[in-house]
Protein backbone atom coordinates (compact mmCIF):
# COMPACT_ATOMS: atom_id res chain seq x y z
CA MET A 1 -25.86 13.57 17.97
CA ASP A 2 -22.68 15.50 18.76
CA GLN A 3 -24.01 16.28 22.22
CA LEU A 4 -25.05 12.66 22.74
CA ALA A 5 -21.56 11.51 21.75
CA SER A 6 -19.92 14.00 24.12
CA GLU A 7 -22.07 12.62 26.93
CA GLY A 8 -21.41 8.97 26.11
CA MET A 9 -19.37 6.57 23.99
CA ILE A 10 -18.81 6.34 20.24
CA PHE A 11 -17.91 3.03 18.58
CA THR A 12 -15.47 3.29 15.67
CA ASP A 13 -15.87 -0.30 14.43
CA ALA A 14 -19.62 -0.94 14.63
CA HIS A 15 -21.44 -2.91 11.95
CA ALA A 16 -24.96 -3.57 10.77
CA GLY A 17 -25.80 -7.24 10.30
CA SER A 18 -26.33 -6.56 6.61
CA ALA A 19 -25.69 -3.84 4.06
CA VAL A 20 -29.44 -3.26 3.65
CA CYS A 21 -32.26 -2.58 6.07
CA THR A 22 -34.70 -5.50 6.53
CA PRO A 23 -32.04 -8.10 7.41
CA THR A 24 -30.33 -5.68 9.78
CA ARG A 25 -33.62 -4.95 11.58
CA TYR A 26 -34.22 -8.69 11.90
CA GLY A 27 -30.83 -9.03 13.58
CA ILE A 28 -31.38 -6.07 15.91
CA LEU A 29 -34.58 -7.53 17.32
CA THR A 30 -33.62 -11.23 17.34
CA GLY A 31 -29.86 -11.31 17.86
CA ARG A 32 -29.64 -13.67 14.87
CA TYR A 33 -28.14 -13.18 11.42
CA CYS A 34 -30.97 -12.82 8.91
CA TRP A 35 -29.37 -15.13 6.36
CA ARG A 36 -30.47 -17.97 8.61
CA SER A 37 -34.09 -17.07 7.71
CA ARG A 38 -35.87 -17.27 4.36
CA LEU A 39 -34.53 -13.83 3.41
CA GLN A 40 -31.29 -14.74 1.67
CA GLU A 41 -30.92 -11.52 -0.30
CA GLY A 42 -32.63 -8.17 -0.78
CA VAL A 43 -35.31 -6.74 1.50
CA LEU A 44 -38.99 -7.23 2.22
CA TRP A 45 -41.76 -5.09 0.73
CA GLY A 46 -44.91 -3.48 2.09
CA TYR A 47 -47.09 -6.55 1.57
CA SER A 48 -44.46 -9.20 2.40
CA PRO A 49 -45.50 -11.81 4.98
CA HIS A 50 -43.92 -11.68 8.43
CA LEU A 51 -40.25 -12.60 8.75
CA ILE A 52 -39.77 -13.09 12.50
CA GLU A 53 -41.49 -16.22 13.80
CA ARG A 54 -44.09 -15.50 16.47
CA GLU A 55 -42.44 -17.92 18.90
CA ARG A 56 -38.94 -16.42 18.56
CA LEU A 57 -37.68 -14.36 21.49
CA THR A 58 -37.09 -10.73 20.56
CA VAL A 59 -35.47 -7.88 22.46
CA ALA A 60 -38.97 -6.49 22.99
CA SER A 61 -40.50 -9.73 24.30
CA LEU A 62 -37.49 -10.29 26.57
CA LEU A 63 -37.87 -6.83 28.07
CA LYS A 64 -41.66 -7.16 28.33
CA GLN A 65 -41.22 -10.40 30.28
CA ASN A 66 -38.98 -8.48 32.63
CA GLY A 67 -41.47 -5.72 33.42
CA TYR A 68 -40.76 -3.16 30.69
CA ALA A 69 -43.38 -1.20 28.80
CA THR A 70 -42.45 -1.65 25.13
CA ALA A 71 -43.14 0.52 22.10
CA CYS A 72 -42.17 0.66 18.44
CA VAL A 73 -42.59 3.88 16.48
CA GLY A 74 -41.47 4.23 12.87
CA LYS A 75 -40.53 2.05 9.94
CA TRP A 76 -41.28 -1.66 10.59
CA HIS A 77 -40.11 -3.35 7.37
CA LEU A 78 -40.15 -6.88 8.82
CA GLY A 79 -43.32 -8.11 7.16
CA LEU A 80 -46.98 -8.10 8.20
CA ASP A 81 -49.70 -10.64 7.52
CA TRP A 82 -52.58 -8.88 5.77
CA VAL A 83 -56.15 -10.23 5.68
CA THR A 84 -57.43 -10.58 2.10
CA HIS A 85 -60.94 -10.58 0.62
CA ASP A 86 -60.33 -13.68 -1.45
CA GLY A 87 -57.78 -15.80 0.38
CA TYR A 88 -54.92 -14.45 -1.72
CA ARG A 89 -51.49 -15.31 -0.29
CA PHE A 90 -48.84 -12.61 -0.56
CA THR A 91 -45.25 -13.30 -1.53
CA ASP A 92 -42.06 -11.27 -1.12
CA SER A 93 -42.50 -9.76 -4.59
CA SER A 94 -42.05 -6.04 -5.13
CA ASP A 95 -44.91 -6.16 -7.65
CA GLU A 96 -47.65 -6.78 -5.08
CA THR A 97 -50.25 -4.01 -5.33
CA GLY A 98 -52.57 -4.76 -2.40
CA GLU A 99 -55.86 -4.94 -4.29
CA HIS A 100 -56.68 -8.13 -2.38
CA VAL A 101 -56.34 -6.56 1.08
CA ASP A 102 -59.22 -5.98 3.47
CA TYR A 103 -57.83 -2.89 5.21
CA LEU A 104 -60.63 -2.94 7.80
CA GLN A 105 -59.20 -6.13 9.29
CA PRO A 106 -56.25 -6.20 11.73
CA VAL A 107 -52.78 -7.18 10.58
CA SER A 108 -51.09 -10.04 12.40
CA ASN A 109 -47.59 -11.24 13.20
CA GLY A 110 -46.40 -7.66 13.47
CA PRO A 111 -44.96 -5.71 16.42
CA LEU A 112 -47.79 -6.53 18.84
CA ASP A 113 -47.16 -10.25 18.36
CA LEU A 114 -43.42 -9.88 18.88
CA GLY A 115 -43.27 -8.23 22.27
CA PHE A 116 -44.40 -4.64 21.71
CA ASP A 117 -47.28 -3.16 23.71
CA TYR A 118 -47.70 -0.27 21.27
CA PHE A 119 -46.92 0.35 17.62
CA PHE A 120 -47.37 3.33 15.36
CA GLY A 121 -45.61 3.19 12.02
CA ILE A 122 -45.48 2.31 8.35
CA PRO A 123 -45.29 -1.22 6.92
CA ALA A 124 -41.95 -0.80 5.12
CA SER A 125 -39.76 2.00 3.74
CA LEU A 126 -41.39 5.32 2.89
CA ASP A 127 -40.72 4.70 -0.80
CA MET A 128 -42.76 1.46 -0.75
CA VAL A 129 -46.52 0.90 -0.98
CA PRO A 130 -48.91 0.93 0.77
CA TYR A 131 -48.64 4.51 2.02
CA VAL A 132 -50.58 4.10 5.27
CA TYR A 133 -50.05 4.39 9.00
CA VAL A 134 -50.59 1.30 11.11
CA ALA A 135 -51.67 1.99 14.68
CA ASN A 136 -51.08 -1.09 16.82
CA ASP A 137 -52.58 -3.76 14.53
CA ARG A 138 -54.99 -1.61 12.50
CA VAL A 139 -54.56 0.54 9.41
CA ALA A 140 -55.34 4.07 10.59
CA GLU A 141 -56.89 5.08 7.24
CA ALA A 142 -57.39 2.83 4.23
CA PRO A 143 -55.43 3.66 1.05
CA THR A 144 -58.39 4.59 -1.13
CA GLU A 145 -56.39 6.90 -3.39
CA PHE A 146 -53.51 6.41 -5.81
CA ILE A 147 -50.24 8.31 -6.04
CA ALA A 148 -47.85 8.43 -9.00
CA GLY A 149 -44.25 7.80 -8.03
CA GLU A 150 -41.27 10.11 -8.47
CA MET A 151 -37.60 9.63 -9.32
CA GLY A 152 -34.45 11.31 -8.06
CA LEU A 153 -33.94 12.45 -4.48
CA ARG A 154 -37.71 12.37 -3.91
CA PHE A 155 -37.91 8.76 -5.13
CA TYR A 156 -40.96 6.73 -4.15
CA ARG A 157 -43.01 4.10 -5.95
CA THR A 158 -46.43 4.35 -7.56
CA GLY A 159 -49.30 2.86 -5.59
CA PRO A 160 -52.14 3.10 -3.06
CA ILE A 161 -52.14 5.88 -0.48
CA ALA A 162 -54.45 6.94 2.34
CA PRO A 163 -56.11 10.33 1.69
CA GLY A 164 -54.58 11.90 4.80
CA PHE A 165 -51.11 10.42 4.33
CA LYS A 166 -48.50 13.03 3.38
CA LEU A 167 -44.99 11.72 2.74
CA GLU A 168 -43.27 14.89 3.96
CA GLU A 169 -45.21 14.74 7.25
CA VAL A 170 -44.10 11.23 8.21
CA MET A 171 -40.90 12.20 10.06
CA PRO A 172 -42.53 14.97 12.14
CA THR A 173 -45.43 12.61 12.89
CA PHE A 174 -43.14 9.83 14.07
CA THR A 175 -41.16 12.27 16.17
CA GLN A 176 -44.30 13.47 17.92
CA LYS A 177 -45.58 9.92 18.48
CA ALA A 178 -42.26 8.90 20.07
CA VAL A 179 -42.25 11.97 22.30
CA ASP A 180 -45.89 11.32 23.21
CA PHE A 181 -45.05 7.78 24.31
CA ILE A 182 -42.31 9.05 26.62
CA GLU A 183 -44.53 11.79 28.03
CA LYS A 184 -47.48 9.45 28.59
CA HIS A 185 -45.31 6.83 30.28
CA ALA A 186 -43.71 9.42 32.55
CA LYS A 187 -47.07 10.92 33.54
CA SER A 188 -48.76 7.55 34.10
CA GLY A 189 -47.18 7.17 37.51
CA SER A 190 -45.88 3.74 36.52
CA THR A 191 -42.61 2.68 38.09
CA ASP A 192 -41.97 0.24 35.23
CA PRO A 193 -39.04 1.00 32.93
CA PHE A 194 -39.69 1.35 29.20
CA PHE A 195 -38.14 0.29 25.91
CA LEU A 196 -38.69 2.50 22.87
CA TYR A 197 -37.55 1.11 19.51
CA PHE A 198 -37.61 4.10 17.14
CA PRO A 199 -36.57 3.09 13.58
CA LEU A 200 -36.67 6.33 11.59
CA SER A 201 -38.04 6.56 8.06
CA ALA A 202 -35.20 8.99 7.22
CA PRO A 203 -32.75 9.79 5.74
CA HIS A 204 -33.95 6.98 3.44
CA THR A 205 -35.72 8.01 0.21
CA PRO A 206 -37.84 9.94 -0.43
CA ILE A 207 -35.51 12.70 0.73
CA LEU A 208 -38.07 15.25 1.93
CA PRO A 209 -36.77 17.70 4.53
CA THR A 210 -39.60 19.86 5.83
CA GLU A 211 -39.59 23.61 5.14
CA GLU A 212 -37.82 24.66 8.33
CA PHE A 213 -34.81 22.45 7.47
CA GLN A 214 -34.49 23.24 3.78
CA GLY A 215 -31.17 24.93 3.02
CA LYS A 216 -29.85 24.44 6.57
CA SER A 217 -26.92 22.18 5.67
CA GLY A 218 -25.52 24.09 2.72
CA ILE A 219 -24.88 20.83 0.88
CA GLY A 220 -28.32 20.05 -0.50
CA SER A 221 -31.51 18.21 0.41
CA TYR A 222 -29.80 15.12 1.74
CA GLY A 223 -27.75 17.14 4.20
CA ASP A 224 -30.89 19.02 5.20
CA PHE A 225 -32.67 15.71 5.82
CA VAL A 226 -29.83 14.49 8.03
CA ILE A 227 -30.13 17.70 10.04
CA GLN A 228 -33.83 16.96 10.44
CA CYS A 229 -32.95 13.50 11.76
CA ASP A 230 -30.58 15.18 14.20
CA TRP A 231 -33.44 17.45 15.32
CA THR A 232 -35.63 14.38 15.87
CA ILE A 233 -32.99 12.83 18.13
CA GLY A 234 -32.85 16.12 20.00
CA GLN A 235 -36.61 16.00 20.56
CA ILE A 236 -36.25 12.58 22.20
CA MET A 237 -33.39 13.84 24.37
CA GLN A 238 -35.45 16.84 25.46
CA ALA A 239 -38.46 14.65 26.28
CA LEU A 240 -36.28 12.55 28.56
CA ASP A 241 -34.86 15.67 30.19
CA ARG A 242 -38.29 17.25 30.75
CA ASN A 243 -39.52 14.15 32.52
CA GLY A 244 -36.43 13.51 34.64
CA LEU A 245 -35.64 10.27 32.78
CA ALA A 246 -32.35 11.07 31.05
CA GLY A 247 -30.13 10.08 33.98
CA ASN A 248 -31.49 6.54 34.07
CA THR A 249 -31.94 5.82 30.37
CA LEU A 250 -29.67 3.82 28.07
CA PHE A 251 -29.83 5.78 24.79
CA ILE A 252 -28.49 4.31 21.53
CA VAL A 253 -28.27 6.00 18.13
CA THR A 254 -27.13 3.91 15.19
CA SER A 255 -27.90 3.07 11.54
CA ASP A 256 -29.02 -0.02 9.65
CA ASN A 257 -26.51 0.25 6.76
CA GLY A 258 -24.18 2.62 4.97
CA CYS A 259 -25.28 5.70 3.05
CA SER A 260 -27.28 5.14 -0.15
CA PRO A 261 -26.10 6.51 -3.51
CA MET A 262 -29.59 8.00 -3.85
CA ALA A 263 -28.09 10.81 -1.76
CA ASP A 264 -26.16 11.90 -4.92
CA PHE A 265 -22.56 11.27 -3.87
CA ASP A 266 -21.06 13.30 -6.71
CA ASP A 267 -22.92 16.43 -5.67
CA LEU A 268 -22.08 15.90 -2.00
CA GLU A 269 -18.39 15.41 -2.80
CA ARG A 270 -18.30 18.61 -4.83
CA LYS A 271 -19.53 20.31 -1.67
CA GLY A 272 -16.85 18.65 0.47
CA HIS A 273 -18.80 15.82 2.07
CA LYS A 274 -17.99 12.08 1.74
CA PRO A 275 -20.73 10.01 3.42
CA SER A 276 -18.59 6.84 3.38
CA TYR A 277 -15.53 8.68 4.77
CA HIS A 278 -12.43 6.67 3.73
CA PHE A 279 -14.27 3.36 3.48
CA ARG A 280 -14.90 1.65 0.16
CA GLY A 281 -18.46 1.28 -1.10
CA TYR A 282 -21.84 2.24 0.29
CA LYS A 283 -25.25 0.79 1.12
CA ALA A 284 -25.81 -2.71 -0.33
CA ASP A 285 -22.07 -3.51 -0.66
CA ILE A 286 -19.96 -6.14 1.08
CA PHE A 287 -17.25 -3.48 1.44
CA GLU A 288 -16.92 -1.53 4.71
CA GLY A 289 -18.96 1.40 3.38
CA GLY A 290 -21.93 -0.95 3.10
CA HIS A 291 -22.19 -2.04 6.71
CA ARG A 292 -19.82 -0.01 8.95
CA ILE A 293 -22.08 2.39 10.79
CA PRO A 294 -22.17 5.12 13.44
CA HIS A 295 -22.98 3.86 16.93
CA ILE A 296 -23.42 6.21 19.88
CA VAL A 297 -24.33 5.08 23.40
CA ARG A 298 -25.18 7.31 26.37
CA TRP A 299 -25.82 5.78 29.78
CA PRO A 300 -25.19 8.27 32.60
CA GLY A 301 -23.22 6.87 35.50
CA LYS A 302 -22.36 3.72 33.56
CA VAL A 303 -20.75 4.78 30.26
CA LYS A 304 -17.89 7.26 30.52
CA GLU A 305 -18.60 10.64 28.98
CA GLY A 306 -16.65 11.55 25.85
CA SER A 307 -15.24 8.04 25.48
CA SER A 308 -14.71 5.86 22.42
CA CYS A 309 -14.34 2.14 21.75
CA ASP A 310 -12.48 0.51 18.87
CA ASP A 311 -13.79 -3.02 19.49
CA THR A 312 -15.69 -4.67 16.64
CA ILE A 313 -19.39 -4.93 17.44
CA CYS A 314 -22.53 -5.83 15.48
CA LEU A 315 -26.15 -4.71 15.85
CA THR A 316 -27.12 -8.33 16.54
CA ASP A 317 -25.40 -7.76 19.90
CA LEU A 318 -28.34 -5.84 21.39
CA MET A 319 -30.13 -9.03 22.49
CA ALA A 320 -27.21 -10.44 24.51
CA THR A 321 -26.40 -7.00 25.91
CA VAL A 322 -29.95 -6.53 27.19
CA ALA A 323 -29.93 -10.05 28.66
CA ASP A 324 -26.60 -9.33 30.35
CA ILE A 325 -27.92 -6.12 31.90
CA LEU A 326 -30.99 -7.99 33.19
CA GLY A 327 -28.95 -10.96 34.44
CA TYR A 328 -31.04 -13.19 32.15
CA ASP A 329 -29.73 -16.42 30.62
CA LEU A 330 -30.80 -16.62 26.99
CA PRO A 331 -32.22 -19.98 25.89
CA ALA A 332 -30.26 -21.92 23.26
CA ASN A 333 -32.69 -20.93 20.50
CA ALA A 334 -32.40 -17.16 21.03
CA GLY A 335 -29.71 -14.63 20.21
CA GLU A 336 -27.64 -17.19 18.32
CA ASP A 337 -25.34 -14.50 16.88
CA SER A 338 -25.46 -12.02 19.74
CA VAL A 339 -22.56 -11.08 22.03
CA SER A 340 -22.95 -8.77 25.02
CA ILE A 341 -21.14 -5.45 24.58
CA LEU A 342 -21.67 -4.60 28.25
CA PRO A 343 -17.93 -5.11 28.97
CA ASP A 344 -17.16 -2.51 26.29
CA LEU A 345 -19.76 -0.09 27.64
CA LEU A 346 -18.38 -0.37 31.15
CA ALA A 347 -14.74 -0.29 29.91
CA ARG A 348 -14.10 -3.72 31.43
CA ALA A 349 -13.31 -5.71 28.30
CA SER A 350 -9.86 -7.31 28.35
CA GLY A 351 -9.82 -8.00 24.61
CA PRO A 352 -12.15 -8.42 21.60
CA ILE A 353 -15.61 -9.51 22.67
CA ARG A 354 -16.46 -11.16 19.35
CA GLU A 355 -14.64 -14.14 17.88
CA ALA A 356 -15.57 -12.96 14.39
CA THR A 357 -18.33 -11.03 12.63
CA VAL A 358 -20.24 -12.09 9.51
CA HIS A 359 -21.30 -9.50 6.93
CA HIS A 360 -23.87 -9.86 4.15
CA SER A 361 -24.55 -7.82 1.00
CA VAL A 362 -27.77 -7.09 -0.86
CA ASN A 363 -27.27 -9.94 -3.33
CA GLY A 364 -26.49 -12.45 -0.56
CA SER A 365 -22.70 -12.42 -0.75
CA PHE A 366 -20.87 -13.34 2.46
CA SER A 367 -17.93 -11.85 4.29
CA ILE A 368 -16.31 -12.72 7.60
CA ARG A 369 -14.10 -10.46 9.67
CA GLN A 370 -11.71 -11.59 12.39
CA ASP A 371 -9.28 -9.13 13.95
CA ARG A 372 -7.34 -7.47 11.11
CA TRP A 373 -8.52 -9.85 8.39
CA LYS A 374 -11.64 -9.49 6.31
CA LEU A 375 -12.56 -12.23 3.83
CA GLU A 376 -15.16 -11.55 1.12
CA LEU A 377 -16.60 -14.45 -0.87
CA CYS A 378 -17.48 -12.60 -4.05
CA PRO A 379 -15.50 -11.05 -6.92
CA GLY A 380 -16.80 -7.48 -6.59
CA SER A 381 -19.00 -5.35 -4.37
CA GLY A 382 -21.86 -7.83 -4.05
CA GLY A 383 -24.03 -4.73 -4.26
CA TRP A 384 -24.49 -1.46 -6.10
CA SER A 385 -21.00 0.01 -6.39
CA TYR A 386 -18.42 -0.83 -9.02
CA PRO A 387 -17.70 -3.57 -9.79
CA GLN A 388 -21.20 -4.92 -9.42
CA PRO A 389 -21.62 -8.72 -9.44
CA GLY A 390 -22.08 -9.05 -13.20
CA GLU A 391 -19.28 -6.61 -13.99
CA ALA A 392 -16.90 -8.36 -11.61
CA ARG A 393 -17.39 -11.70 -13.33
CA MET A 394 -16.96 -10.15 -16.79
CA LEU A 395 -13.69 -8.63 -15.59
CA GLY A 396 -12.52 -12.04 -14.40
CA LEU A 397 -11.89 -10.86 -10.85
CA PRO A 398 -11.10 -13.55 -8.27
CA GLY A 399 -14.10 -14.91 -6.38
CA VAL A 400 -12.31 -14.45 -3.06
CA GLN A 401 -11.08 -11.16 -1.59
CA LEU A 402 -8.91 -10.85 1.52
CA TYR A 403 -7.99 -7.52 3.05
CA ASP A 404 -5.83 -6.50 5.99
CA LEU A 405 -7.89 -3.67 7.43
CA THR A 406 -5.14 -2.47 9.74
CA ARG A 407 -3.08 -1.30 6.77
CA ASP A 408 -5.67 -1.15 3.99
CA ILE A 409 -8.92 0.24 5.36
CA GLY A 410 -9.96 1.17 1.82
CA GLU A 411 -9.90 -2.51 0.72
CA GLN A 412 -7.69 -1.96 -2.32
CA GLU A 413 -5.06 -4.74 -2.11
CA ASN A 414 -6.48 -8.25 -2.40
CA LEU A 415 -4.15 -10.55 -0.42
CA GLN A 416 -5.98 -13.82 -0.98
CA SER A 417 -3.15 -15.37 -3.04
CA LYS A 418 -0.49 -14.29 -0.52
CA HIS A 419 -2.26 -15.65 2.54
CA PRO A 420 -4.09 -18.86 1.58
CA GLU A 421 -3.86 -20.07 5.17
CA VAL A 422 -5.92 -17.08 6.36
CA VAL A 423 -8.48 -17.71 3.63
CA GLU A 424 -8.75 -21.36 4.62
CA HIS A 425 -9.13 -20.56 8.31
CA LEU A 426 -11.85 -17.97 7.76
CA VAL A 427 -13.77 -20.14 5.29
CA HIS A 428 -13.78 -23.00 7.80
CA LEU A 429 -14.91 -20.68 10.59
CA LEU A 430 -17.77 -19.32 8.47
CA GLU A 431 -18.78 -22.83 7.48
CA LYS A 432 -18.86 -23.78 11.15
CA TYR A 433 -21.10 -20.81 11.96
CA VAL A 434 -23.48 -21.93 9.20
CA THR A 435 -23.48 -25.60 10.20
CA ASP A 436 -23.92 -24.90 13.91
CA GLY A 437 -26.83 -22.52 13.33
CA ARG A 438 -25.06 -20.05 15.59
CA SER A 439 -21.79 -18.12 15.93
CA THR A 440 -21.78 -18.04 19.72
CA PRO A 441 -21.16 -20.84 22.25
CA GLY A 442 -24.17 -23.03 22.87
CA ARG A 443 -26.23 -25.94 21.61
CA PRO A 444 -26.32 -26.11 17.79
CA GLN A 445 -29.45 -24.74 16.16
CA THR A 446 -31.11 -25.15 12.78
CA ASN A 447 -31.22 -22.58 9.99
CA GLU A 448 -34.65 -22.17 8.41
CA VAL A 449 -33.30 -22.81 4.91
CA PRO A 450 -30.09 -24.26 3.43
CA VAL A 451 -27.32 -21.66 3.47
CA ASN A 452 -24.67 -21.50 0.73
CA ILE A 453 -21.75 -19.17 1.51
CA TRP A 454 -20.59 -19.25 -2.12
CA LYS A 455 -22.92 -16.95 -4.00
């Protein structure tokens, strides 16, 4: 990642669409904030029905329409529709066990129905059942066995597992599958460009660095696992180099939320590492540590080497950026919350590219950021750090937080009572984004469910 950054651009103010993974992934592929869908809080599970509508334009389907070969390797976590023996209808419950599933039947409304030519991955996070690989639209091996879950750094849930599925082998397997796709495409003789969406299963729990990475970081298993992720990125870089593709490939490395406390922050801090840097909070929170993320872009001949950008961007911006590169006009019902960052990449932006950016926490709390001001419509973290939602209400904390990030990046001084005019302006702007069904210029659209910004 250091090499990639030295050869491209780092963004210092990049944000995931949410402080947890499923809603962020929805935004990456659709260019739309996930809170406009049925998923108003939390994440999906391994048996959850599909989240992205089949008819919605995705980054993959847009690129496929424009001649790209498209592949997804890794953690899907956007819902799949499973065939059942008895007509059972799955919900978004974490208690689903999968005993109704006919694993010999294909899944539907997954990657292949949303613009991808090829998929190899797992249904959700690696700590969620079922523990199976899905190849294109088929389960590679049925989960005929049962595994007891673990706690701690190796956390994963109890449930069905395929006999040949080994949790510690998932990252190396995904790495090889991604490399294989690049190699096969390069050797096919095709002149078509390709799009590889590679959502890693790590460093999410279970934290399982393979033997060759254990002890490498000097700060514990989590650090070792991050080094393994870095190795994986290196394998992709080397595959591009070997096949003469690096010079004409737009390469992006980013994250879907802040670091999880499952990494054992206290132990990491004792060893001199702070995953959230000087930002408040971590994964799940409305605070900056929940959704401010690394974002590295390399594009030889287009993006200046060793450069950085301080503009505020969001992962929903991929859709509009891709469309801008292709010279494609997005229809009104696509990329409703997506802004092209191409001016930033080419160092041609004359000012902020986004009017404002909306953030969302695990419990569905809203925040809106415009320039220096960040408004949070909840009394605490809206997530897992102190004060959690229940604690914040017991403490009688105000239900509105306003921070000036230019002088208070740690979000310590709530200025909501000193600047009511800023609060009013940002609330009205957020309400407009909700009502219009979009935060970008264009014909108003409809949210799939009613949206309440006051949790």
